[in-house]
Amino acid sequence: MEIVVLQAEILEQSVANRFEKRGAFRVSNPVLSVEIDGARFSTENWSLDGLLLNGVPEHVKLDTPVEGIIGPVGSPEMCRFGGRIVRLDESKMTTAIELDEKSADVAALLPLWVLKYGAR
């Protein structure tokens, strides 16, 4: 009897980030709109250090810098952010972005957005 082993395609890829945050406190409300290279995504959840997007942007690679615009869904309040791709999960269709230290505006606005839009 011949045993055939099929190698499964790797559906989740990740790299080390500054701090392991998978178990960290995350916020899901308000949902944030994230625009990267003209494509829009919503957040599954987020923290002051990162974002988990619903979807996988085209042409992004693991451990590469990414820039975009972020703000609460339905709000005119938006700001620029920078970070890097730390996880791509094609089976769950999610992308994790670690925000960089240069995104001080985002870190200042996120708690305000929770207070202002989180109760919707």
PDB file of N, CA and C in Angstrom:
ATOM      1  N   MET A   1       0.839  -1.165   0.000  1.00  0.00           N
ATOM      2  CA  MET A   1       0.000   0.000   0.000  1.00  0.00           C
ATOM      3  C   MET A   1       0.891   1.237   0.000  1.00  0.00           C
ATOM      4  N   GLU A   2       0.613   2.138  -0.896  1.00  0.00           N
ATOM      5  CA  GLU A   2       1.384   3.372  -1.002  1.00  0.00           C
ATOM      6  C   GLU A   2       0.677   4.479  -0.219  1.00  0.00           C
ATOM      7  N   ILE A   3       1.448   5.167   0.608  1.00  0.00           N
ATOM      8  CA  ILE A   3       0.886   6.275   1.387  1.00  0.00           C
ATOM      9  C   ILE A   3       1.272   7.571   0.699  1.00  0.00           C
ATOM     10  N   VAL A   4       0.272   8.369   0.412  1.00  0.00           N
ATOM     11  CA  VAL A   4       0.497   9.650  -0.252  1.00  0.00           C
ATOM     12  C   VAL A   4       0.261  10.759   0.766  1.00  0.00           C
ATOM     13  N   VAL A   5       1.252  11.606   0.917  1.00  0.00           N
ATOM     14  CA  VAL A   5       1.127  12.724   1.850  1.00  0.00           C
ATOM     15  C   VAL A   5       1.008  14.008   1.035  1.00  0.00           C
ATOM     16  N   LEU A   6      -0.063  14.701   1.266  1.00  0.00           N
ATOM     17  CA  LEU A   6      -0.254  15.973   0.585  1.00  0.00           C
ATOM     18  C   LEU A   6       0.201  17.087   1.509  1.00  0.00           C
ATOM     19  N   GLN A   7       0.979  18.007   0.967  1.00  0.00           N
ATOM     20  CA  GLN A   7       1.441  19.118   1.777  1.00  0.00           C
ATOM     21  C   GLN A   7       0.422  20.248   1.669  1.00  0.00           C
ATOM     22  N   ALA A   8      -0.096  20.681   2.793  1.00  0.00           N
ATOM     23  CA  ALA A   8      -1.096  21.754   2.808  1.00  0.00           C
ATOM     24  C   ALA A   8      -0.425  23.090   2.564  1.00  0.00           C
ATOM     25  N   GLU A   9      -1.106  23.923   1.839  1.00  0.00           N
ATOM     26  CA  GLU A   9      -0.623  25.278   1.607  1.00  0.00           C
ATOM     27  C   GLU A   9      -0.641  26.044   2.925  1.00  0.00           C
ATOM     28  N   ILE A  10       0.393  26.823   3.169  1.00  0.00           N
ATOM     29  CA  ILE A  10       0.443  27.619   4.386  1.00  0.00           C
ATOM     30  C   ILE A  10      -0.543  28.771   4.253  1.00  0.00           C
ATOM     31  N   LEU A  11      -1.534  28.781   5.139  1.00  0.00           N
ATOM     32  CA  LEU A  11      -2.568  29.803   5.067  1.00  0.00           C
ATOM     33  C   LEU A  11      -2.342  30.927   6.062  1.00  0.00           C
ATOM     34  N   GLU A  12      -1.533  30.685   7.080  1.00  0.00           N
ATOM     35  CA  GLU A  12      -1.247  31.750   8.036  1.00  0.00           C
ATOM     36  C   GLU A  12       0.254  31.949   8.111  1.00  0.00           C
ATOM     37  N   GLN A  13       0.673  33.197   7.987  1.00  0.00           N
ATOM     38  CA  GLN A  13       2.072  33.549   8.091  1.00  0.00           C
ATOM     39  C   GLN A  13       2.181  34.679   9.100  1.00  0.00           C
ATOM     40  N   SER A  14       3.223  34.643   9.933  1.00  0.00           N
ATOM     41  CA  SER A  14       3.417  35.726  10.883  1.00  0.00           C
ATOM     42  C   SER A  14       4.897  35.913  11.148  1.00  0.00           C
ATOM     43  N   VAL A  15       5.230  37.091  11.663  1.00  0.00           N
ATOM     44  CA  VAL A  15       6.596  37.417  12.053  1.00  0.00           C
ATOM     45  C   VAL A  15       6.560  37.948  13.474  1.00  0.00           C
ATOM     46  N   ALA A  16       7.713  37.957  14.107  1.00  0.00           N
ATOM     47  CA  ALA A  16       7.791  38.496  15.467  1.00  0.00           C
ATOM     48  C   ALA A  16       7.476  39.985  15.434  1.00  0.00           C
ATOM     49  N   ASN A  17       6.733  40.443  16.425  1.00  0.00           N
ATOM     50  CA  ASN A  17       6.464  41.864  16.530  1.00  0.00           C
ATOM     51  C   ASN A  17       7.081  42.384  17.820  1.00  0.00           C
ATOM     52  N   ARG A  18       6.999  43.692  18.029  1.00  0.00           N
ATOM     53  CA  ARG A  18       7.635  44.301  19.200  1.00  0.00           C
ATOM     54  C   ARG A  18       7.173  43.649  20.493  1.00  0.00           C
ATOM     55  N   PHE A  19       5.904  43.411  20.607  1.00  0.00           N
ATOM     56  CA  PHE A  19       5.321  42.808  21.797  1.00  0.00           C
ATOM     57  C   PHE A  19       4.285  41.803  21.324  1.00  0.00           C
ATOM     58  N   GLU A  20       4.259  40.636  21.907  1.00  0.00           N
ATOM     59  CA  GLU A  20       3.230  39.663  21.548  1.00  0.00           C
ATOM     60  C   GLU A  20       1.902  40.170  22.085  1.00  0.00           C
ATOM     61  N   LYS A  21       0.955  40.438  21.181  1.00  0.00           N
ATOM     62  CA  LYS A  21      -0.298  41.077  21.573  1.00  0.00           C
ATOM     63  C   LYS A  21      -1.527  40.231  21.294  1.00  0.00           C
ATOM     64  N   ARG A  22      -1.362  38.999  20.871  1.00  0.00           N
ATOM     65  CA  ARG A  22      -2.549  38.212  20.530  1.00  0.00           C
ATOM     66  C   ARG A  22      -3.473  38.034  21.718  1.00  0.00           C
ATOM     67  N   GLY A  23      -2.934  38.020  22.939  1.00  0.00           N
ATOM     68  CA  GLY A  23      -3.764  37.866  24.125  1.00  0.00           C
ATOM     69  C   GLY A  23      -4.071  39.194  24.800  1.00  0.00           C
ATOM     70  N   ALA A  24      -3.627  40.301  24.215  1.00  0.00           N
ATOM     71  CA  ALA A  24      -3.793  41.622  24.821  1.00  0.00           C
ATOM     72  C   ALA A  24      -5.239  42.109  24.716  1.00  0.00           C
ATOM     73  N   PHE A  25      -5.564  43.097  25.533  1.00  0.00           N
ATOM     74  CA  PHE A  25      -6.894  43.697  25.510  1.00  0.00           C
ATOM     75  C   PHE A  25      -7.128  44.345  24.155  1.00  0.00           C
ATOM     76  N   ARG A  26      -8.206  43.977  23.519  1.00  0.00           N
ATOM     77  CA  ARG A  26      -8.548  44.496  22.200  1.00  0.00           C
ATOM     78  C   ARG A  26      -9.915  45.125  22.243  1.00  0.00           C
ATOM     79  N   VAL A  27     -10.115  46.095  21.378  1.00  0.00           N
ATOM     80  CA  VAL A  27     -11.376  46.817  21.277  1.00  0.00           C
ATOM     81  C   VAL A  27     -12.006  46.487  19.927  1.00  0.00           C
ATOM     82  N   SER A  28     -13.307  46.224  19.938  1.00  0.00           N
ATOM     83  CA  SER A  28     -13.987  45.953  18.669  1.00  0.00           C
ATOM     84  C   SER A  28     -15.007  47.042  18.327  1.00  0.00           C
ATOM     85  N   ASN A  29     -15.274  47.932  19.273  1.00  0.00           N
ATOM     86  CA  ASN A  29     -16.237  48.997  19.042  1.00  0.00           C
ATOM     87  C   ASN A  29     -15.650  50.318  19.517  1.00  0.00           C
ATOM     88  N   PRO A  30     -15.478  51.286  18.655  1.00  0.00           N
ATOM     89  CA  PRO A  30     -16.051  51.362  17.323  1.00  0.00           C
ATOM     90  C   PRO A  30     -15.237  50.578  16.297  1.00  0.00           C
ATOM     91  N   VAL A  31     -15.944  50.136  15.279  1.00  0.00           N
ATOM     92  CA  VAL A  31     -15.284  49.528  14.128  1.00  0.00           C
ATOM     93  C   VAL A  31     -14.581  50.651  13.383  1.00  0.00           C
ATOM     94  N   LEU A  32     -13.345  50.402  12.997  1.00  0.00           N
ATOM     95  CA  LEU A  32     -12.582  51.410  12.276  1.00  0.00           C
ATOM     96  C   LEU A  32     -12.531  51.081  10.791  1.00  0.00           C
ATOM     97  N   SER A  33     -12.536  52.118   9.989  1.00  0.00           N
ATOM     98  CA  SER A  33     -12.345  51.995   8.548  1.00  0.00           C
ATOM     99  C   SER A  33     -10.861  52.235   8.284  1.00  0.00           C
ATOM    100  N   VAL A  34     -10.236  51.340   7.546  1.00  0.00           N
ATOM    101  CA  VAL A  34      -8.810  51.428   7.253  1.00  0.00           C
ATOM    102  C   VAL A  34      -8.643  51.426   5.741  1.00  0.00           C
ATOM    103  N   GLU A  35      -7.980  52.456   5.225  1.00  0.00           N
ATOM    104  CA  GLU A  35      -7.733  52.527   3.784  1.00  0.00           C
ATOM    105  C   GLU A  35      -6.245  52.349   3.526  1.00  0.00           C
ATOM    106  N   ILE A  36      -5.936  51.375   2.666  1.00  0.00           N
ATOM    107  CA  ILE A  36      -4.562  51.085   2.273  1.00  0.00           C
ATOM    108  C   ILE A  36      -4.526  51.011   0.755  1.00  0.00           C
ATOM    109  N   ASP A  37      -3.736  51.868   0.139  1.00  0.00           N
ATOM    110  CA  ASP A  37      -3.604  51.889  -1.331  1.00  0.00           C
ATOM    111  C   ASP A  37      -4.952  51.934  -2.042  1.00  0.00           C
ATOM    112  N   GLY A  38      -5.886  52.720  -1.520  1.00  0.00           N
ATOM    113  CA  GLY A  38      -7.182  52.895  -2.164  1.00  0.00           C
ATOM    114  C   GLY A  38      -8.222  51.834  -1.837  1.00  0.00           C
ATOM    115  N   ALA A  39      -7.812  50.765  -1.156  1.00  0.00           N
ATOM    116  CA  ALA A  39      -8.754  49.702  -0.767  1.00  0.00           C
ATOM    117  C   ALA A  39      -9.161  49.924   0.683  1.00  0.00           C
ATOM    118  N   ARG A  40     -10.456  49.708   0.981  1.00  0.00           N
ATOM    119  CA  ARG A  40     -10.969  49.903   2.340  1.00  0.00           C
ATOM    120  C   ARG A  40     -11.250  48.581   3.020  1.00  0.00           C
ATOM    121  N   PHE A  41     -10.964  48.577   4.312  1.00  0.00           N
ATOM    122  CA  PHE A  41     -11.177  47.406   5.159  1.00  0.00           C
ATOM    123  C   PHE A  41     -11.802  47.874   6.468  1.00  0.00           C
ATOM    124  N   SER A  42     -12.464  46.977   7.160  1.00  0.00           N
ATOM    125  CA  SER A  42     -12.945  47.279   8.506  1.00  0.00           C
ATOM    126  C   SER A  42     -12.078  46.498   9.481  1.00  0.00           C
ATOM    127  N   THR A  43     -12.092  46.935  10.735  1.00  0.00           N
ATOM    128  CA  THR A  43     -11.320  46.225  11.742  1.00  0.00           C
ATOM    129  C   THR A  43     -12.166  45.151  12.412  1.00  0.00           C
ATOM    130  N   GLU A  44     -11.551  44.029  12.659  1.00  0.00           N
ATOM    131  CA  GLU A  44     -12.147  42.976  13.490  1.00  0.00           C
ATOM    132  C   GLU A  44     -12.012  43.418  14.946  1.00  0.00           C
ATOM    133  N   ASN A  45     -10.803  43.888  15.276  1.00  0.00           N
ATOM    134  CA  ASN A  45     -10.518  44.478  16.571  1.00  0.00           C
ATOM    135  C   ASN A  45      -9.229  45.281  16.455  1.00  0.00           C
ATOM    136  N   TRP A  46      -8.894  46.020  17.518  1.00  0.00           N
ATOM    137  CA  TRP A  46      -7.701  46.844  17.482  1.00  0.00           C
ATOM    138  C   TRP A  46      -7.258  47.178  18.900  1.00  0.00           C
ATOM    139  N   SER A  47      -6.027  47.653  19.021  1.00  0.00           N
ATOM    140  CA  SER A  47      -5.485  48.110  20.296  1.00  0.00           C
ATOM    141  C   SER A  47      -4.633  49.333  19.999  1.00  0.00           C
ATOM    142  N   LEU A  48      -4.017  49.888  21.007  1.00  0.00           N
ATOM    143  CA  LEU A  48      -3.149  51.045  20.790  1.00  0.00           C
ATOM    144  C   LEU A  48      -1.904  50.670  19.994  1.00  0.00           C
ATOM    145  N   ASP A  49      -1.585  49.385  19.932  1.00  0.00           N
ATOM    146  CA  ASP A  49      -0.384  48.933  19.232  1.00  0.00           C
ATOM    147  C   ASP A  49      -0.634  48.315  17.868  1.00  0.00           C
ATOM    148  N   GLY A  50      -1.899  48.002  17.542  1.00  0.00           N
ATOM    149  CA  GLY A  50      -2.108  47.328  16.274  1.00  0.00           C
ATOM    150  C   GLY A  50      -3.557  47.185  15.874  1.00  0.00           C
ATOM    151  N   LEU A  51      -3.741  46.683  14.653  1.00  0.00           N
ATOM    152  CA  LEU A  51      -5.052  46.530  14.043  1.00  0.00           C
ATOM    153  C   LEU A  51      -5.185  45.113  13.489  1.00  0.00           C
ATOM    154  N   LEU A  52      -6.362  44.530  13.620  1.00  0.00           N
ATOM    155  CA  LEU A  52      -6.665  43.272  12.942  1.00  0.00           C
ATOM    156  C   LEU A  52      -7.744  43.593  11.920  1.00  0.00           C
ATOM    157  N   LEU A  53      -7.376  43.503  10.646  1.00  0.00           N
ATOM    158  CA  LEU A  53      -8.291  43.860   9.555  1.00  0.00           C
ATOM    159  C   LEU A  53      -9.092  42.658   9.088  1.00  0.00           C
ATOM    160  N   ASN A  54     -10.325  42.908   8.674  1.00  0.00           N
ATOM    161  CA  ASN A  54     -11.128  41.927   7.958  1.00  0.00           C
ATOM    162  C   ASN A  54     -10.710  42.025   6.497  1.00  0.00           C
ATOM    163  N   GLY A  55     -10.011  41.039   6.020  1.00  0.00           N
ATOM    164  CA  GLY A  55      -9.553  41.030   4.641  1.00  0.00           C
ATOM    165  C   GLY A  55      -8.041  41.021   4.544  1.00  0.00           C
ATOM    166  N   VAL A  56      -7.577  40.718   3.359  1.00  0.00           N
ATOM    167  CA  VAL A  56      -6.141  40.687   3.075  1.00  0.00           C
ATOM    168  C   VAL A  56      -5.889  41.622   1.894  1.00  0.00           C
ATOM    169  N   PRO A  57      -5.203  42.749   2.136  1.00  0.00           N
ATOM    170  CA  PRO A  57      -4.930  43.677   1.035  1.00  0.00           C
ATOM    171  C   PRO A  57      -4.096  43.015  -0.062  1.00  0.00           C
ATOM    172  N   GLU A  58      -4.350  43.417  -1.283  1.00  0.00           N
ATOM    173  CA  GLU A  58      -3.566  42.897  -2.408  1.00  0.00           C
ATOM    174  C   GLU A  58      -2.158  43.480  -2.363  1.00  0.00           C
ATOM    175  N   HIS A  59      -1.224  42.715  -2.822  1.00  0.00           N
ATOM    176  CA  HIS A  59       0.158  43.162  -3.002  1.00  0.00           C
ATOM    177  C   HIS A  59       0.865  43.523  -1.707  1.00  0.00           C
ATOM    178  N   VAL A  60       0.402  43.033  -0.560  1.00  0.00           N
ATOM    179  CA  VAL A  60       1.157  43.239   0.671  1.00  0.00           C
ATOM    180  C   VAL A  60       1.910  41.961   0.992  1.00  0.00           C
ATOM    181  N   LYS A  61       3.045  42.139   1.628  1.00  0.00           N
ATOM    182  CA  LYS A  61       3.851  40.993   2.012  1.00  0.00           C
ATOM    183  C   LYS A  61       4.127  41.073   3.501  1.00  0.00           C
ATOM    184  N   LEU A  62       4.360  39.943   4.068  1.00  0.00           N
ATOM    185  CA  LEU A  62       4.664  39.838   5.478  1.00  0.00           C
ATOM    186  C   LEU A  62       5.926  40.629   5.813  1.00  0.00           C
ATOM    187  N   ASP A  63       5.924  41.308   6.939  1.00  0.00           N
ATOM    188  CA  ASP A  63       7.058  42.062   7.468  1.00  0.00           C
ATOM    189  C   ASP A  63       7.455  43.244   6.586  1.00  0.00           C
ATOM    190  N   THR A  64       6.463  43.838   5.921  1.00  0.00           N
ATOM    191  CA  THR A  64       6.745  45.020   5.103  1.00  0.00           C
ATOM    192  C   THR A  64       5.999  46.225   5.673  1.00  0.00           C
ATOM    193  N   PRO A  65       6.551  47.417   5.469  1.00  0.00           N
ATOM    194  CA  PRO A  65       5.877  48.624   5.943  1.00  0.00           C
ATOM    195  C   PRO A  65       4.565  48.852   5.198  1.00  0.00           C
ATOM    196  N   VAL A  66       3.630  49.480   5.897  1.00  0.00           N
ATOM    197  CA  VAL A  66       2.349  49.809   5.299  1.00  0.00           C
ATOM    198  C   VAL A  66       1.922  51.171   5.852  1.00  0.00           C
ATOM    199  N   GLU A  67       1.287  51.967   5.003  1.00  0.00           N
ATOM    200  CA  GLU A  67       0.754  53.259   5.415  1.00  0.00           C
ATOM    201  C   GLU A  67      -0.680  53.352   4.953  1.00  0.00           C
ATOM    202  N   GLY A  68      -1.465  54.138   5.667  1.00  0.00           N
ATOM    203  CA  GLY A  68      -2.848  54.290   5.275  1.00  0.00           C
ATOM    204  C   GLY A  68      -3.548  55.355   6.067  1.00  0.00           C
ATOM    205  N   ILE A  69      -4.864  55.324   5.982  1.00  0.00           N
ATOM    206  CA  ILE A  69      -5.731  56.275   6.674  1.00  0.00           C
ATOM    207  C   ILE A  69      -6.705  55.462   7.517  1.00  0.00           C
ATOM    208  N   ILE A  70      -6.986  55.944   8.722  1.00  0.00           N
ATOM    209  CA  ILE A  70      -7.837  55.215   9.656  1.00  0.00           C
ATOM    210  C   ILE A  70      -8.813  56.166  10.331  1.00  0.00           C
ATOM    211  N   GLY A  71      -9.998  55.656  10.646  1.00  0.00           N
ATOM    212  CA  GLY A  71     -10.990  56.431  11.388  1.00  0.00           C
ATOM    213  C   GLY A  71     -12.224  55.594  11.644  1.00  0.00           C
ATOM    214  N   PRO A  72     -13.072  56.026  12.579  1.00  0.00           N
ATOM    215  CA  PRO A  72     -14.301  55.280  12.850  1.00  0.00           C
ATOM    216  C   PRO A  72     -15.204  55.211  11.617  1.00  0.00           C
ATOM    217  N   VAL A  73     -15.812  54.056  11.385  1.00  0.00           N
ATOM    218  CA  VAL A  73     -16.730  53.886  10.258  1.00  0.00           C
ATOM    219  C   VAL A  73     -17.848  54.915  10.377  1.00  0.00           C
ATOM    220  N   GLY A  74     -18.135  55.618   9.293  1.00  0.00           N
ATOM    221  CA  GLY A  74     -19.210  56.604   9.263  1.00  0.00           C
ATOM    222  C   GLY A  74     -18.846  57.960   9.826  1.00  0.00           C
ATOM    223  N   SER A  75     -17.609  58.148  10.207  1.00  0.00           N
ATOM    224  CA  SER A  75     -17.172  59.417  10.780  1.00  0.00           C
ATOM    225  C   SER A  75     -16.247  60.143   9.809  1.00  0.00           C
ATOM    226  N   PRO A  76     -16.270  61.475   9.810  1.00  0.00           N
ATOM    227  CA  PRO A  76     -15.322  62.213   8.980  1.00  0.00           C
ATOM    228  C   PRO A  76     -13.939  62.293   9.629  1.00  0.00           C
ATOM    229  N   GLU A  77     -13.823  61.845  10.877  1.00  0.00           N
ATOM    230  CA  GLU A  77     -12.548  61.918  11.585  1.00  0.00           C
ATOM    231  C   GLU A  77     -11.622  60.814  11.086  1.00  0.00           C
ATOM    232  N   MET A  78     -10.524  61.217  10.473  1.00  0.00           N
ATOM    233  CA  MET A  78      -9.559  60.275   9.928  1.00  0.00           C
ATOM    234  C   MET A  78      -8.156  60.777  10.241  1.00  0.00           C
ATOM    235  N   CYS A  79      -7.202  59.865  10.300  1.00  0.00           N
ATOM    236  CA  CYS A  79      -5.805  60.269  10.426  1.00  0.00           C
ATOM    237  C   CYS A  79      -4.921  59.227   9.743  1.00  0.00           C
ATOM    238  N   ARG A  80      -3.711  59.634   9.457  1.00  0.00           N
ATOM    239  CA  ARG A  80      -2.750  58.748   8.802  1.00  0.00           C
ATOM    240  C   ARG A  80      -2.106  57.831   9.841  1.00  0.00           C
ATOM    241  N   PHE A  81      -1.742  56.644   9.399  1.00  0.00           N
ATOM    242  CA  PHE A  81      -1.013  55.720  10.265  1.00  0.00           C
ATOM    243  C   PHE A  81       0.096  55.058   9.474  1.00  0.00           C
ATOM    244  N   GLY A  82       1.049  54.542  10.192  1.00  0.00           N
ATOM    245  CA  GLY A  82       2.126  53.758   9.602  1.00  0.00           C
ATOM    246  C   GLY A  82       2.344  52.531  10.457  1.00  0.00           C
ATOM    247  N   GLY A  83       2.814  51.481   9.854  1.00  0.00           N
ATOM    248  CA  GLY A  83       3.072  50.253  10.590  1.00  0.00           C
ATOM    249  C   GLY A  83       3.709  49.225   9.689  1.00  0.00           C
ATOM    250  N   ARG A  84       3.571  47.970  10.085  1.00  0.00           N
ATOM    251  CA  ARG A  84       4.078  46.878   9.244  1.00  0.00           C
ATOM    252  C   ARG A  84       3.170  45.674   9.391  1.00  0.00           C
ATOM    253  N   ILE A  85       3.145  44.878   8.360  1.00  0.00           N
ATOM    254  CA  ILE A  85       2.330  43.665   8.331  1.00  0.00           C
ATOM    255  C   ILE A  85       3.019  42.604   9.173  1.00  0.00           C
ATOM    256  N   VAL A  86       2.341  42.126  10.226  1.00  0.00           N
ATOM    257  CA  VAL A  86       2.939  41.107  11.085  1.00  0.00           C
ATOM    258  C   VAL A  86       2.240  39.751  10.970  1.00  0.00           C
ATOM    259  N   ARG A  87       1.042  39.708  10.388  1.00  0.00           N
ATOM    260  CA  ARG A  87       0.374  38.416  10.189  1.00  0.00           C
ATOM    261  C   ARG A  87      -0.596  38.502   9.028  1.00  0.00           C
ATOM    262  N   LEU A  88      -0.552  37.493   8.171  1.00  0.00           N
ATOM    263  CA  LEU A  88      -1.508  37.327   7.075  1.00  0.00           C
ATOM    264  C   LEU A  88      -2.155  35.969   7.261  1.00  0.00           C
ATOM    265  N   ASP A  89      -3.463  35.939   7.365  1.00  0.00           N
ATOM    266  CA  ASP A  89      -4.173  34.673   7.554  1.00  0.00           C
ATOM    267  C   ASP A  89      -5.239  34.560   6.466  1.00  0.00           C
ATOM    268  N   GLU A  90      -4.893  33.854   5.405  1.00  0.00           N
ATOM    269  CA  GLU A  90      -5.806  33.733   4.276  1.00  0.00           C
ATOM    270  C   GLU A  90      -7.004  32.841   4.587  1.00  0.00           C
ATOM    271  N   SER A  91      -6.849  31.891   5.515  1.00  0.00           N
ATOM    272  CA  SER A  91      -7.987  31.032   5.842  1.00  0.00           C
ATOM    273  C   SER A  91      -9.063  31.814   6.597  1.00  0.00           C
ATOM    274  N   LYS A  92      -8.656  32.743   7.459  1.00  0.00           N
ATOM    275  CA  LYS A  92      -9.614  33.574   8.191  1.00  0.00           C
ATOM    276  C   LYS A  92      -9.839  34.922   7.509  1.00  0.00           C
ATOM    277  N   MET A  93      -9.084  35.170   6.442  1.00  0.00           N
ATOM    278  CA  MET A  93      -9.156  36.437   5.700  1.00  0.00           C
ATOM    279  C   MET A  93      -8.934  37.638   6.631  1.00  0.00           C
ATOM    280  N   THR A  94      -7.831  37.595   7.389  1.00  0.00           N
ATOM    281  CA  THR A  94      -7.473  38.694   8.268  1.00  0.00           C
ATOM    282  C   THR A  94      -6.017  39.089   8.066  1.00  0.00           C
ATOM    283  N   THR A  95      -5.734  40.338   8.390  1.00  0.00           N
ATOM    284  CA  THR A  95      -4.390  40.883   8.317  1.00  0.00           C
ATOM    285  C   THR A  95      -4.106  41.628   9.614  1.00  0.00           C
ATOM    286  N   ALA A  96      -2.974  41.340  10.239  1.00  0.00           N
ATOM    287  CA  ALA A  96      -2.585  42.036  11.459  1.00  0.00           C
ATOM    288  C   ALA A  96      -1.507  43.063  11.119  1.00  0.00           C
ATOM    289  N   ILE A  97      -1.717  44.280  11.615  1.00  0.00           N
ATOM    290  CA  ILE A  97      -0.774  45.371  11.403  1.00  0.00           C
ATOM    291  C   ILE A  97      -0.298  45.862  12.755  1.00  0.00           C
ATOM    292  N   GLU A  98       1.008  45.931  12.923  1.00  0.00           N
ATOM    293  CA  GLU A  98       1.594  46.523  14.115  1.00  0.00           C
ATOM    294  C   GLU A  98       1.838  47.998  13.818  1.00  0.00           C
ATOM    295  N   LEU A  99       1.251  48.872  14.612  1.00  0.00           N
ATOM    296  CA  LEU A  99       1.444  50.306  14.418  1.00  0.00           C
ATOM    297  C   LEU A  99       2.847  50.697  14.854  1.00  0.00           C
ATOM    298  N   ASP A 100       3.454  51.633  14.127  1.00  0.00           N
ATOM    299  CA  ASP A 100       4.793  52.065  14.502  1.00  0.00           C
ATOM    300  C   ASP A 100       4.744  53.235  15.480  1.00  0.00           C
ATOM    301  N   GLU A 101       5.895  53.547  16.027  1.00  0.00           N
ATOM    302  CA  GLU A 101       5.993  54.610  17.013  1.00  0.00           C
ATOM    303  C   GLU A 101       5.672  55.983  16.431  1.00  0.00           C
ATOM    304  N   LYS A 102       5.736  56.108  15.130  1.00  0.00           N
ATOM    305  CA  LYS A 102       5.471  57.392  14.475  1.00  0.00           C
ATOM    306  C   LYS A 102       3.979  57.693  14.404  1.00  0.00           C
ATOM    307  N   SER A 103       3.158  56.742  14.770  1.00  0.00           N
ATOM    308  CA  SER A 103       1.711  56.925  14.708  1.00  0.00           C
ATOM    309  C   SER A 103       1.171  57.491  16.027  1.00  0.00           C
ATOM    310  N   ALA A 104       1.830  58.518  16.545  1.00  0.00           N
ATOM    311  CA  ALA A 104       1.422  59.117  17.825  1.00  0.00           C
ATOM    312  C   ALA A 104       0.016  59.697  17.749  1.00  0.00           C
ATOM    313  N   ASP A 105      -0.365  60.261  16.601  1.00  0.00           N
ATOM    314  CA  ASP A 105      -1.718  60.806  16.444  1.00  0.00           C
ATOM    315  C   ASP A 105      -2.763  59.705  16.621  1.00  0.00           C
ATOM    316  N   VAL A 106      -2.479  58.533  16.072  1.00  0.00           N
ATOM    317  CA  VAL A 106      -3.408  57.411  16.188  1.00  0.00           C
ATOM    318  C   VAL A 106      -3.545  56.999  17.651  1.00  0.00           C
ATOM    319  N   ALA A 107      -2.426  56.887  18.350  1.00  0.00           N
ATOM    320  CA  ALA A 107      -2.460  56.492  19.760  1.00  0.00           C
ATOM    321  C   ALA A 107      -3.237  57.493  20.603  1.00  0.00           C
ATOM    322  N   ALA A 108      -3.191  58.758  20.227  1.00  0.00           N
ATOM    323  CA  ALA A 108      -3.941  59.782  20.956  1.00  0.00           C
ATOM    324  C   ALA A 108      -5.425  59.742  20.613  1.00  0.00           C
ATOM    325  N   LEU A 109      -5.754  59.454  19.353  1.00  0.00           N
ATOM    326  CA  LEU A 109      -7.148  59.475  18.914  1.00  0.00           C
ATOM    327  C   LEU A 109      -7.938  58.213  19.268  1.00  0.00           C
ATOM    328  N   LEU A 110      -7.310  57.066  19.290  1.00  0.00           N
ATOM    329  CA  LEU A 110      -8.031  55.819  19.530  1.00  0.00           C
ATOM    330  C   LEU A 110      -8.844  55.845  20.823  1.00  0.00           C
ATOM    331  N   PRO A 111      -8.275  56.252  21.968  1.00  0.00           N
ATOM    332  CA  PRO A 111      -9.110  56.300  23.182  1.00  0.00           C
ATOM    333  C   PRO A 111     -10.270  57.301  23.066  1.00  0.00           C
ATOM    334  N   LEU A 112     -10.042  58.411  22.391  1.00  0.00           N
ATOM    335  CA  LEU A 112     -11.119  59.385  22.192  1.00  0.00           C
ATOM    336  C   LEU A 112     -12.229  58.807  21.333  1.00  0.00           C
ATOM    337  N   TRP A 113     -11.860  58.048  20.316  1.00  0.00           N
ATOM    338  CA  TRP A 113     -12.863  57.430  19.449  1.00  0.00           C
ATOM    339  C   TRP A 113     -13.694  56.404  20.223  1.00  0.00           C
ATOM    340  N   VAL A 114     -13.080  55.699  21.161  1.00  0.00           N
ATOM    341  CA  VAL A 114     -13.831  54.747  21.984  1.00  0.00           C
ATOM    342  C   VAL A 114     -14.901  55.499  22.763  1.00  0.00           C
ATOM    343  N   LEU A 115     -14.504  56.602  23.386  1.00  0.00           N
ATOM    344  CA  LEU A 115     -15.462  57.392  24.168  1.00  0.00           C
ATOM    345  C   LEU A 115     -16.560  57.999  23.307  1.00  0.00           C
ATOM    346  N   LYS A 116     -16.169  58.508  22.148  1.00  0.00           N
ATOM    347  CA  LYS A 116     -17.115  59.233  21.296  1.00  0.00           C
ATOM    348  C   LYS A 116     -18.012  58.314  20.476  1.00  0.00           C
ATOM    349  N   TYR A 117     -17.445  57.238  19.923  1.00  0.00           N
ATOM    350  CA  TYR A 117     -18.191  56.383  18.983  1.00  0.00           C
ATOM    351  C   TYR A 117     -18.449  54.970  19.489  1.00  0.00           C
ATOM    352  N   GLY A 118     -17.840  54.580  20.598  1.00  0.00           N
ATOM    353  CA  GLY A 118     -17.917  53.209  21.066  1.00  0.00           C
ATOM    354  C   GLY A 118     -19.283  52.772  21.564  1.00  0.00           C
ATOM    355  N   ALA A 119     -20.122  53.702  21.941  1.00  0.00           N
ATOM    356  CA  ALA A 119     -21.433  53.343  22.501  1.00  0.00           C
ATOM    357  C   ALA A 119     -22.514  53.223  21.441  1.00  0.00           C
ATOM    358  N   ARG A 120     -22.167  53.412  20.188  1.00  0.00           N
ATOM    359  CA  ARG A 120     -23.159  53.341  19.114  1.00  0.00           C
ATOM    360  C   ARG A 120     -23.711  51.963  18.942  1.00  0.00           C
TER     361      ARG A 120
END
